[in-house]
């Protein structure tokens, strides 16, 4: 059986949710990452920044946009040193300004993806996958890429069947 890794960044607290701000005890992307884990028995690795994003949603997205403009690489609390031993890597995050939070790229740039299969997963409120697949292809050199998955963030809790079916399919041949 293939060994699977689920790398994710997820925002708890204030989130944009169907046109308004809602406080979440568990982030949408974390919910989806756990569904993937349930489907393919993978290892979870959470991306956590040293400097926390602002608790206020609007300040957070302003900071995220500034990081994107600067192509910043925020420092992380911990890093994966290697993905040797994994065959499939799911890269899961919220769609911030059309792509992953820059902290995701901080981690991904440190890894060798040669021979790995990578799948983009985004939670969003209308952006779908944004440019996540294109951006992963630039960063994850040497990888093959499976079909990505976009999950509407407000529907993350109801997406279990869809996520499980997709995850099983992409780890087989997808």
N, C-alpha and C. Protein backbone atom coordinates (compact mmCIF):
# COMPACT_ATOMS: atom_id res chain seq x y z
N UNK A 1 0.83 -1.18 0.00
CA UNK A 1 0.00 0.00 0.00
C UNK A 1 0.88 1.25 0.00
N UNK A 2 0.48 2.24 -0.77
CA UNK A 2 1.24 3.49 -0.88
C UNK A 2 1.25 4.23 0.44
N UNK A 3 2.36 4.87 0.73
CA UNK A 3 2.47 5.70 1.94
C UNK A 3 2.09 7.13 1.55
N UNK A 4 1.18 7.72 2.33
CA UNK A 4 0.61 9.02 2.01
C UNK A 4 0.92 10.06 3.07
N UNK A 5 1.21 11.27 2.61
CA UNK A 5 1.47 12.41 3.49
C UNK A 5 0.48 13.51 3.15
N UNK A 6 -0.10 14.09 4.19
CA UNK A 6 -1.03 15.20 4.03
C UNK A 6 -0.41 16.41 4.73
N UNK A 7 0.09 17.35 3.95
CA UNK A 7 0.65 18.60 4.48
C UNK A 7 -0.47 19.63 4.39
N UNK A 8 -0.74 20.32 5.51
CA UNK A 8 -1.84 21.29 5.45
C UNK A 8 -1.58 22.52 6.31
N UNK A 9 -2.17 23.62 5.88
CA UNK A 9 -2.27 24.83 6.69
C UNK A 9 -3.76 25.12 6.82
N UNK A 10 -4.21 25.44 8.02
CA UNK A 10 -5.62 25.72 8.24
C UNK A 10 -5.76 26.86 9.24
N UNK A 11 -6.78 27.69 9.02
CA UNK A 11 -7.01 28.83 9.91
C UNK A 11 -8.22 28.56 10.80
N UNK A 12 -7.96 28.58 12.12
CA UNK A 12 -9.03 28.53 13.10
C UNK A 12 -9.44 29.97 13.40
N UNK A 13 -10.53 30.14 14.10
CA UNK A 13 -10.97 31.49 14.46
C UNK A 13 -11.76 32.12 13.33
N UNK A 14 -11.62 33.43 13.16
CA UNK A 14 -12.40 34.15 12.17
C UNK A 14 -12.07 33.70 10.74
N UNK A 15 -13.12 33.34 10.01
CA UNK A 15 -13.01 32.93 8.61
C UNK A 15 -14.17 33.51 7.83
N UNK A 16 -13.94 33.71 6.54
CA UNK A 16 -15.02 34.12 5.65
C UNK A 16 -15.87 32.89 5.40
N UNK A 17 -17.17 33.02 5.54
CA UNK A 17 -18.07 31.86 5.51
C UNK A 17 -19.38 32.28 4.85
N UNK A 18 -19.58 31.90 3.60
CA UNK A 18 -20.82 32.21 2.88
C UNK A 18 -21.21 33.68 2.97
N UNK A 19 -20.24 34.58 2.80
CA UNK A 19 -20.54 36.00 2.73
C UNK A 19 -20.45 36.75 4.04
N UNK A 20 -20.12 36.07 5.12
CA UNK A 20 -19.95 36.77 6.40
C UNK A 20 -18.77 36.15 7.16
N UNK A 21 -18.45 36.73 8.29
CA UNK A 21 -17.34 36.24 9.11
C UNK A 21 -17.91 35.34 10.20
N UNK A 22 -17.29 34.17 10.36
CA UNK A 22 -17.72 33.20 11.36
C UNK A 22 -16.48 32.71 12.10
N UNK A 23 -16.60 32.48 13.39
CA UNK A 23 -15.48 31.96 14.17
C UNK A 23 -15.54 30.43 14.18
N UNK A 24 -14.46 29.80 13.75
CA UNK A 24 -14.40 28.34 13.65
C UNK A 24 -13.47 27.77 14.72
N UNK A 25 -13.91 26.71 15.38
CA UNK A 25 -13.04 26.05 16.34
C UNK A 25 -12.02 25.15 15.64
N UNK A 26 -12.36 24.70 14.43
CA UNK A 26 -11.44 23.92 13.60
C UNK A 26 -11.51 24.49 12.20
N UNK A 27 -10.37 24.74 11.59
CA UNK A 27 -10.34 25.32 10.26
C UNK A 27 -10.87 24.37 9.20
N UNK A 28 -11.40 24.95 8.13
CA UNK A 28 -11.97 24.16 7.02
C UNK A 28 -10.96 23.20 6.41
N UNK A 29 -9.73 23.68 6.22
CA UNK A 29 -8.72 22.83 5.58
C UNK A 29 -8.34 21.66 6.48
N UNK A 30 -8.29 21.89 7.79
CA UNK A 30 -7.98 20.80 8.72
C UNK A 30 -9.05 19.70 8.63
N UNK A 31 -10.30 20.10 8.51
CA UNK A 31 -11.40 19.13 8.37
C UNK A 31 -11.18 18.27 7.12
N UNK A 32 -10.88 18.93 6.01
CA UNK A 32 -10.66 18.21 4.74
C UNK A 32 -9.42 17.32 4.84
N UNK A 33 -8.35 17.82 5.45
CA UNK A 33 -7.13 17.01 5.61
C UNK A 33 -7.42 15.74 6.42
N UNK A 34 -8.23 15.87 7.44
CA UNK A 34 -8.58 14.69 8.24
C UNK A 34 -9.43 13.70 7.45
N UNK A 35 -10.29 14.20 6.56
CA UNK A 35 -11.06 13.30 5.68
C UNK A 35 -10.11 12.54 4.74
N UNK A 36 -9.09 13.23 4.23
CA UNK A 36 -8.10 12.56 3.37
C UNK A 36 -7.39 11.48 4.16
N UNK A 37 -6.99 11.82 5.39
CA UNK A 37 -6.31 10.84 6.23
C UNK A 37 -7.19 9.61 6.46
N UNK A 38 -8.45 9.84 6.71
CA UNK A 38 -9.39 8.74 6.92
C UNK A 38 -9.48 7.85 5.67
N UNK A 39 -9.43 8.48 4.51
CA UNK A 39 -9.57 7.74 3.25
C UNK A 39 -8.35 6.90 2.91
N UNK A 40 -7.15 7.46 3.12
CA UNK A 40 -5.94 6.81 2.61
C UNK A 40 -4.92 6.49 3.69
N UNK A 41 -5.31 6.65 4.95
CA UNK A 41 -4.43 6.31 6.07
C UNK A 41 -3.09 7.03 5.98
N UNK A 42 -3.12 8.33 5.78
CA UNK A 42 -1.89 9.09 5.63
C UNK A 42 -1.43 9.73 6.93
N UNK A 43 -0.22 10.24 6.90
CA UNK A 43 0.34 11.01 8.02
C UNK A 43 0.00 12.48 7.81
N UNK A 44 -0.44 13.15 8.87
CA UNK A 44 -0.75 14.58 8.82
C UNK A 44 0.45 15.39 9.28
N UNK A 45 0.71 16.49 8.57
CA UNK A 45 1.73 17.45 9.00
C UNK A 45 1.13 18.84 8.87
N UNK A 46 0.99 19.52 10.01
CA UNK A 46 0.39 20.85 10.01
C UNK A 46 1.47 21.93 9.90
N UNK A 47 1.27 22.84 8.97
CA UNK A 47 2.14 24.01 8.82
C UNK A 47 1.72 25.04 9.85
N UNK A 48 2.66 25.44 10.71
CA UNK A 48 2.38 26.44 11.73
C UNK A 48 3.47 27.51 11.67
N UNK A 49 3.05 28.76 11.58
CA UNK A 49 4.00 29.87 11.49
C UNK A 49 4.48 30.29 12.89
N UNK A 50 5.72 30.75 12.96
CA UNK A 50 6.26 31.27 14.21
C UNK A 50 5.46 32.50 14.64
N UNK A 51 5.26 33.41 13.69
CA UNK A 51 4.47 34.62 13.95
C UNK A 51 3.03 34.31 13.51
N UNK A 52 2.13 34.30 14.47
CA UNK A 52 0.73 33.99 14.16
C UNK A 52 0.11 35.10 13.32
N UNK A 53 -0.80 34.69 12.46
CA UNK A 53 -1.57 35.68 11.72
C UNK A 53 -2.55 36.35 12.67
N UNK A 54 -2.92 37.57 12.36
CA UNK A 54 -3.84 38.33 13.19
C UNK A 54 -5.15 37.57 13.38
N UNK A 55 -5.73 37.66 14.57
CA UNK A 55 -7.01 36.99 14.85
C UNK A 55 -8.15 37.60 14.03
N UNK A 56 -8.04 38.89 13.71
CA UNK A 56 -9.05 39.56 12.90
C UNK A 56 -8.90 39.11 11.45
N UNK A 57 -9.96 38.58 10.89
CA UNK A 57 -9.91 38.03 9.54
C UNK A 57 -9.41 39.04 8.52
N UNK A 58 -9.94 40.26 8.56
CA UNK A 58 -9.57 41.25 7.55
C UNK A 58 -8.11 41.68 7.67
N UNK A 59 -7.58 41.76 8.89
CA UNK A 59 -6.15 42.05 9.06
C UNK A 59 -5.31 40.88 8.56
N UNK A 60 -5.79 39.68 8.82
CA UNK A 60 -5.08 38.48 8.36
C UNK A 60 -4.96 38.47 6.84
N UNK A 61 -6.06 38.74 6.15
CA UNK A 61 -5.98 38.67 4.69
C UNK A 61 -5.15 39.81 4.11
N UNK A 62 -5.12 40.96 4.80
CA UNK A 62 -4.23 42.04 4.37
C UNK A 62 -2.77 41.60 4.51
N UNK A 63 -2.45 40.95 5.63
CA UNK A 63 -1.08 40.45 5.83
C UNK A 63 -0.74 39.37 4.80
N UNK A 64 -1.71 38.51 4.51
CA UNK A 64 -1.49 37.45 3.52
C UNK A 64 -1.23 38.04 2.14
N UNK A 65 -1.96 39.09 1.80
CA UNK A 65 -1.76 39.74 0.51
C UNK A 65 -0.37 40.39 0.45
N UNK A 66 0.04 40.99 1.55
CA UNK A 66 1.37 41.60 1.61
C UNK A 66 2.46 40.54 1.44
N UNK A 67 2.30 39.39 2.10
CA UNK A 67 3.26 38.29 1.95
C UNK A 67 3.32 37.82 0.50
N UNK A 68 2.17 37.72 -0.14
CA UNK A 68 2.14 37.28 -1.54
C UNK A 68 2.88 38.27 -2.44
N UNK A 69 2.61 39.56 -2.25
CA UNK A 69 3.29 40.60 -3.06
C UNK A 69 4.80 40.53 -2.90
N UNK A 70 5.24 40.24 -1.68
CA UNK A 70 6.68 40.20 -1.38
C UNK A 70 7.30 38.83 -1.65
N UNK A 71 6.44 37.86 -2.03
CA UNK A 71 6.89 36.48 -2.19
C UNK A 71 7.61 36.02 -0.92
N UNK A 72 7.03 36.36 0.22
CA UNK A 72 7.63 36.10 1.53
C UNK A 72 7.65 34.61 1.84
N UNK A 73 8.52 34.23 2.73
CA UNK A 73 8.58 32.86 3.23
C UNK A 73 8.59 32.94 4.76
N UNK A 74 7.39 32.99 5.37
CA UNK A 74 7.31 33.09 6.82
C UNK A 74 7.99 31.90 7.50
N UNK A 75 8.63 32.16 8.62
CA UNK A 75 9.30 31.11 9.38
C UNK A 75 8.27 30.19 10.02
N UNK A 76 8.58 28.89 10.03
CA UNK A 76 7.68 27.90 10.59
C UNK A 76 8.17 27.41 11.95
N UNK A 77 7.24 26.92 12.76
CA UNK A 77 7.59 26.38 14.08
C UNK A 77 8.38 25.08 13.95
N UNK A 78 8.07 24.30 12.91
CA UNK A 78 8.79 23.05 12.67
C UNK A 78 8.72 22.75 11.17
N UNK A 79 9.67 21.94 10.74
CA UNK A 79 9.78 21.62 9.31
C UNK A 79 9.87 20.11 9.11
N UNK A 80 9.37 19.66 7.99
CA UNK A 80 9.66 18.32 7.54
C UNK A 80 11.04 18.38 6.88
N UNK A 81 11.92 17.47 7.24
CA UNK A 81 13.26 17.45 6.63
C UNK A 81 13.27 16.65 5.34
N UNK A 82 12.36 15.69 5.26
CA UNK A 82 12.38 14.77 4.12
C UNK A 82 10.98 14.19 3.92
N UNK A 83 10.69 13.82 2.68
CA UNK A 83 9.46 13.08 2.39
C UNK A 83 9.80 11.73 1.78
N UNK A 84 11.04 11.29 2.01
CA UNK A 84 11.44 9.94 1.60
C UNK A 84 10.48 8.96 2.27
N UNK A 85 10.12 7.93 1.57
CA UNK A 85 9.22 6.95 2.14
C UNK A 85 7.76 7.21 1.82
N UNK A 86 7.46 8.39 1.34
CA UNK A 86 6.08 8.70 0.92
C UNK A 86 5.99 8.62 -0.60
N UNK A 87 4.88 8.12 -1.07
CA UNK A 87 4.63 8.07 -2.51
C UNK A 87 3.71 9.19 -2.96
N UNK A 88 2.69 9.47 -2.14
CA UNK A 88 1.69 10.49 -2.47
C UNK A 88 1.74 11.60 -1.44
N UNK A 89 1.69 12.86 -1.94
CA UNK A 89 1.71 14.02 -1.05
C UNK A 89 0.52 14.91 -1.40
N UNK A 90 -0.36 15.08 -0.43
CA UNK A 90 -1.49 15.98 -0.56
C UNK A 90 -1.09 17.32 0.04
N UNK A 91 -1.23 18.40 -0.72
CA UNK A 91 -0.86 19.73 -0.25
C UNK A 91 -2.17 20.51 -0.09
N UNK A 92 -2.56 20.76 1.16
CA UNK A 92 -3.88 21.29 1.48
C UNK A 92 -3.78 22.66 2.13
N UNK A 93 -4.55 23.60 1.62
CA UNK A 93 -4.57 24.92 2.22
C UNK A 93 -5.78 25.72 1.80
N UNK A 94 -5.99 26.83 2.50
CA UNK A 94 -7.05 27.74 2.09
C UNK A 94 -6.57 28.56 0.89
N UNK A 95 -7.49 28.95 0.06
CA UNK A 95 -7.14 29.79 -1.09
C UNK A 95 -7.07 31.24 -0.63
N UNK A 96 -5.85 31.72 -0.46
CA UNK A 96 -5.60 33.11 -0.05
C UNK A 96 -5.04 33.85 -1.25
N UNK A 97 -5.82 34.75 -1.79
CA UNK A 97 -5.41 35.55 -2.94
C UNK A 97 -5.03 34.67 -4.12
N UNK A 98 -5.77 33.58 -4.30
CA UNK A 98 -5.60 32.75 -5.48
C UNK A 98 -4.61 31.61 -5.36
N UNK A 99 -3.97 31.47 -4.21
CA UNK A 99 -2.99 30.40 -4.05
C UNK A 99 -2.88 30.01 -2.57
N UNK A 100 -1.89 29.20 -2.26
CA UNK A 100 -1.66 28.81 -0.87
C UNK A 100 -1.11 29.97 -0.06
N UNK A 101 -1.29 29.94 1.27
CA UNK A 101 -0.56 30.87 2.12
C UNK A 101 0.94 30.69 1.88
N UNK A 102 1.68 31.78 1.92
CA UNK A 102 3.12 31.72 1.62
C UNK A 102 3.87 30.76 2.55
N UNK A 103 3.36 30.54 3.75
CA UNK A 103 4.00 29.62 4.68
C UNK A 103 4.08 28.20 4.10
N UNK A 104 3.11 27.84 3.26
CA UNK A 104 3.14 26.52 2.63
C UNK A 104 4.38 26.40 1.74
N UNK A 105 4.69 27.46 1.01
CA UNK A 105 5.86 27.43 0.13
C UNK A 105 7.16 27.40 0.92
N UNK A 106 7.16 28.00 2.14
CA UNK A 106 8.34 27.92 3.01
C UNK A 106 8.73 26.46 3.19
N UNK A 107 7.74 25.61 3.48
CA UNK A 107 8.01 24.19 3.69
C UNK A 107 8.31 23.47 2.38
N UNK A 108 7.48 23.66 1.38
CA UNK A 108 7.61 22.88 0.15
C UNK A 108 8.96 23.07 -0.53
N UNK A 109 9.50 24.27 -0.47
CA UNK A 109 10.79 24.54 -1.13
C UNK A 109 11.95 23.78 -0.51
N UNK A 110 11.76 23.26 0.69
CA UNK A 110 12.83 22.54 1.39
C UNK A 110 12.82 21.04 1.09
N UNK A 111 11.87 20.57 0.28
CA UNK A 111 11.69 19.14 0.08
C UNK A 111 12.03 18.71 -1.35
N UNK A 112 12.43 17.44 -1.48
CA UNK A 112 12.72 16.85 -2.79
C UNK A 112 11.51 16.03 -3.20
N UNK A 113 10.84 16.45 -4.26
CA UNK A 113 9.62 15.79 -4.73
C UNK A 113 9.86 14.80 -5.86
N UNK A 114 11.12 14.51 -6.17
CA UNK A 114 11.43 13.59 -7.24
C UNK A 114 10.74 12.25 -7.01
N UNK A 115 9.95 11.82 -8.00
CA UNK A 115 9.28 10.54 -7.92
C UNK A 115 8.01 10.50 -7.09
N UNK A 116 7.61 11.63 -6.53
CA UNK A 116 6.39 11.69 -5.72
C UNK A 116 5.20 12.08 -6.59
N UNK A 117 4.01 11.71 -6.15
CA UNK A 117 2.78 12.17 -6.78
C UNK A 117 2.17 13.21 -5.85
N UNK A 118 1.87 14.39 -6.39
CA UNK A 118 1.39 15.51 -5.60
C UNK A 118 -0.01 15.89 -6.05
N UNK A 119 -0.87 16.15 -5.06
CA UNK A 119 -2.24 16.59 -5.32
C UNK A 119 -2.51 17.89 -4.58
N UNK A 120 -3.03 18.88 -5.29
CA UNK A 120 -3.43 20.15 -4.70
C UNK A 120 -4.83 20.01 -4.11
N UNK A 121 -5.00 20.55 -2.91
CA UNK A 121 -6.30 20.60 -2.26
C UNK A 121 -6.48 22.02 -1.72
N UNK A 122 -7.60 22.64 -2.09
CA UNK A 122 -7.88 24.00 -1.62
C UNK A 122 -9.27 24.08 -1.04
N UNK A 123 -9.37 24.75 0.11
CA UNK A 123 -10.68 25.16 0.59
C UNK A 123 -10.83 26.62 0.18
N UNK A 124 -12.04 27.00 -0.19
CA UNK A 124 -12.23 28.32 -0.79
C UNK A 124 -13.66 28.79 -0.58
N UNK A 125 -13.89 30.04 -0.84
CA UNK A 125 -15.24 30.60 -0.79
C UNK A 125 -15.64 31.12 -2.16
N UNK A 126 -15.10 30.54 -3.21
CA UNK A 126 -15.48 30.91 -4.57
C UNK A 126 -14.35 30.88 -5.57
N UNK A 127 -13.12 30.68 -5.11
CA UNK A 127 -11.95 30.72 -5.99
C UNK A 127 -11.57 29.37 -6.57
N UNK A 128 -12.18 28.31 -6.11
CA UNK A 128 -11.80 26.98 -6.57
C UNK A 128 -10.35 26.69 -6.23
N UNK A 129 -9.65 26.07 -7.17
CA UNK A 129 -8.23 25.75 -6.97
C UNK A 129 -7.32 26.95 -7.20
N UNK A 130 -7.88 28.06 -7.71
CA UNK A 130 -7.05 29.22 -8.00
C UNK A 130 -5.86 28.81 -8.85
N UNK A 131 -4.68 29.30 -8.52
CA UNK A 131 -3.46 28.94 -9.26
C UNK A 131 -2.64 27.89 -8.53
N UNK A 132 -3.27 27.20 -7.57
CA UNK A 132 -2.53 26.26 -6.72
C UNK A 132 -1.82 25.16 -7.50
N UNK A 133 -2.48 24.59 -8.49
CA UNK A 133 -1.83 23.51 -9.24
C UNK A 133 -0.63 24.02 -10.03
N UNK A 134 -0.79 25.15 -10.68
CA UNK A 134 0.33 25.75 -11.42
C UNK A 134 1.49 26.09 -10.47
N UNK A 135 1.14 26.64 -9.30
CA UNK A 135 2.18 27.02 -8.34
C UNK A 135 2.92 25.81 -7.79
N UNK A 136 2.19 24.72 -7.55
CA UNK A 136 2.85 23.49 -7.08
C UNK A 136 3.79 22.94 -8.13
N UNK A 137 3.40 23.02 -9.40
CA UNK A 137 4.26 22.51 -10.47
C UNK A 137 5.59 23.26 -10.54
N UNK A 138 5.58 24.54 -10.16
CA UNK A 138 6.83 25.33 -10.12
C UNK A 138 7.71 24.92 -8.94
N UNK A 139 7.10 24.60 -7.82
CA UNK A 139 7.84 24.34 -6.57
C UNK A 139 8.26 22.88 -6.43
N UNK A 140 7.36 21.96 -6.79
CA UNK A 140 7.57 20.53 -6.54
C UNK A 140 8.23 19.86 -7.74
N UNK A 141 9.45 20.24 -8.01
CA UNK A 141 10.18 19.74 -9.17
C UNK A 141 10.39 18.23 -9.07
N UNK A 142 10.19 17.56 -10.19
CA UNK A 142 10.39 16.12 -10.25
C UNK A 142 9.17 15.30 -9.89
N UNK A 143 8.08 15.96 -9.49
CA UNK A 143 6.87 15.26 -9.09
C UNK A 143 5.96 15.01 -10.28
N UNK A 144 5.13 14.01 -10.14
CA UNK A 144 3.97 13.81 -11.02
C UNK A 144 2.79 14.43 -10.28
N UNK A 145 1.77 14.81 -11.00
CA UNK A 145 0.65 15.51 -10.36
C UNK A 145 -0.66 14.80 -10.65
N UNK A 146 -1.42 14.58 -9.57
CA UNK A 146 -2.75 14.02 -9.69
C UNK A 146 -3.77 15.15 -9.75
N UNK A 147 -4.99 14.80 -10.05
CA UNK A 147 -6.08 15.76 -10.14
C UNK A 147 -6.30 16.41 -8.78
N UNK A 148 -6.36 17.73 -8.76
CA UNK A 148 -6.59 18.47 -7.52
C UNK A 148 -8.05 18.46 -7.11
N UNK A 149 -8.30 18.97 -5.90
CA UNK A 149 -9.66 19.03 -5.37
C UNK A 149 -9.89 20.38 -4.71
N UNK A 150 -10.98 21.03 -5.09
CA UNK A 150 -11.41 22.28 -4.46
C UNK A 150 -12.67 21.98 -3.65
N UNK A 151 -12.68 22.41 -2.39
CA UNK A 151 -13.82 22.20 -1.51
C UNK A 151 -14.28 23.56 -1.01
N UNK A 152 -15.56 23.86 -1.23
CA UNK A 152 -16.12 25.12 -0.71
C UNK A 152 -15.99 25.08 0.81
N UNK A 153 -15.30 26.08 1.36
CA UNK A 153 -14.97 26.08 2.78
C UNK A 153 -16.16 25.90 3.70
N UNK A 154 -17.24 26.63 3.43
CA UNK A 154 -18.43 26.53 4.27
C UNK A 154 -19.06 25.14 4.21
N UNK A 155 -18.70 24.35 3.20
CA UNK A 155 -19.23 23.00 3.06
C UNK A 155 -18.22 21.93 3.48
N UNK A 156 -17.09 22.34 4.05
CA UNK A 156 -16.04 21.37 4.41
C UNK A 156 -16.57 20.25 5.28
N UNK A 157 -17.37 20.57 6.27
CA UNK A 157 -17.89 19.57 7.18
C UNK A 157 -18.81 18.56 6.51
N UNK A 158 -19.37 18.93 5.37
CA UNK A 158 -20.30 18.05 4.65
C UNK A 158 -19.62 17.38 3.46
N UNK A 159 -18.31 17.53 3.33
CA UNK A 159 -17.61 17.06 2.12
C UNK A 159 -16.97 15.68 2.28
N UNK A 160 -17.21 15.01 3.38
CA UNK A 160 -16.50 13.77 3.66
C UNK A 160 -16.60 12.75 2.53
N UNK A 161 -17.80 12.48 2.04
CA UNK A 161 -17.95 11.48 0.98
C UNK A 161 -17.20 11.84 -0.28
N UNK A 162 -17.30 13.10 -0.68
CA UNK A 162 -16.61 13.58 -1.88
C UNK A 162 -15.10 13.48 -1.71
N UNK A 163 -14.59 13.93 -0.55
CA UNK A 163 -13.15 13.93 -0.30
C UNK A 163 -12.61 12.50 -0.25
N UNK A 164 -13.30 11.62 0.44
CA UNK A 164 -12.84 10.23 0.55
C UNK A 164 -12.81 9.56 -0.81
N UNK A 165 -13.86 9.72 -1.59
CA UNK A 165 -13.92 9.13 -2.93
C UNK A 165 -12.78 9.65 -3.81
N UNK A 166 -12.56 10.96 -3.81
CA UNK A 166 -11.49 11.58 -4.60
C UNK A 166 -10.12 11.07 -4.15
N UNK A 167 -9.87 11.09 -2.84
CA UNK A 167 -8.55 10.69 -2.32
C UNK A 167 -8.21 9.25 -2.69
N UNK A 168 -9.18 8.38 -2.58
CA UNK A 168 -8.94 6.97 -2.95
C UNK A 168 -8.64 6.85 -4.44
N UNK A 169 -9.35 7.62 -5.24
CA UNK A 169 -9.18 7.56 -6.69
C UNK A 169 -7.79 8.08 -7.11
N UNK A 170 -7.36 9.21 -6.56
CA UNK A 170 -6.08 9.80 -7.01
C UNK A 170 -4.86 9.03 -6.51
N UNK A 171 -5.01 8.27 -5.44
CA UNK A 171 -3.86 7.51 -4.97
C UNK A 171 -3.72 6.18 -5.71
N UNK A 172 -4.76 5.80 -6.43
CA UNK A 172 -4.70 4.56 -7.22
C UNK A 172 -4.15 4.84 -8.60
N UNK A 173 -4.80 5.76 -9.32
CA UNK A 173 -4.33 5.99 -10.68
C UNK A 173 -4.58 7.37 -11.20
N UNK A 174 -5.33 8.15 -10.43
CA UNK A 174 -5.87 9.39 -10.83
C UNK A 174 -5.11 10.51 -11.27
